[in-house]
């Protein structure tokens, strides 16, 4: 059965600044949706509203048609909505295993399956089993990003929201990340939202792409449709224009 996570006509303001204006987006289990746009377009704010970090001024967040707009972050996590952040938030002095087990302890109260088993599955899914006894601070940047994803996976998410997982990665690391995310979707059937400025990754990874600019949706469609849309090209003048044209 398909499950859905919906942001419905969401508006979010900070003082007089409208970060989001009547933004709607739907994600279904089994699909990967890219969320792109220039800096300041509202991408992270939308993820924050969907995951419960912020509460919308107007509009709703629906999980399987149930309004969860007032549910706090931890409650949404237990309902199956997990996310990573732009800034890496690891326990740098702990090992990879300890980082993942810490998340498993917090979110698997029934201890069934065991914390070690849950952690082992998450590390295997993200290619980190070989590094399980290394301190997080010794990992390369790409592996630290994958460790963040592993910690999110122990929440057993139905929907996984990834905020710039490829930030700072080179092409090889980005390609590895692409395969990791595809593998997670294939094995778990979860719905995944990916924010990233790596348009090469987004266009190869995602089933659909939603484009934000100045707090509103300016385009939504298949990657090829989005790439050829003149409004999107205009919003991505400069570096991203070249990336879209590549």
Foldseek 3Di string as FASTA:
>chain_A
DKKKKKWAQFWAADVPATLAGGAIDMWIFLFEEEEEFDPSLNPVVVLCQSQAVDQTPDTFIDIRNHTCRPPHNVVVLLVFEFEFDPDQDFPQQAFLLVRQLVLLVVQVVVCVPHSSVLLVVLCVLLVCPVRRRPGLNPDDLLVSLSSRVSSRCSSVHLEYEYEASCPPHDPVSLVSVLVSVVSCCVVNRHIYYYYHLQLVSNLVRGQKYWYGGSNYTPDIGHSVVLLPDVVNLVRQPDPSVVVSVD
